[in-house]
Amino acid sequence: MANRRRDWFWKLSHELCSRYGVIAIEDLNIKGMARMWGRKVHDYAFSEFVEILEWCARKYGTRVIMIGRYYPSSQTCSVCGHVWPSTKDLSVREWTCPECGVYHDRDVNAAVNILAEAKRIMNRMEQAKDA
């Protein structure tokens, strides 16, 4: 099973890095997640996937932007920016922003916010380079 998973990680990493110049991912606290949800979290081998992805990214010239684990990606409305802490509970899979009324799927909203944060990080890096 581990070999199949590793093979899939390599194939997925090559596919992503050959298609995209920038990949943004969240820096997850796997040890903390394992304390909360048990050993099953380690079965997902996220850190192994990230290592393979970073190796492939170097090969393809793709930038991997890590978003800090404390960035509230799933709690922030991707439309108006309102932060709603009630959505921190993982059982909340869908929510409507109390500020602007937009309906969100938790994972899609978090992905949009992670991409936006990666763009902000890249802009800051460019500005620092130009200064």
Foldseek 3Di string as FASTA:
>chain_A
DVVVLLVVLLVVLLVVLVVDQEAEDEPDPLVVVCVVVNPVSVVNVPVSSVVSNVVSCVVSNHHYHYDYNPPQLLQAALPPGDGHCVRVPPVCQWDADPPPGDIDGSVVSSVSSRVVVSVVVVVVVVVVVVD
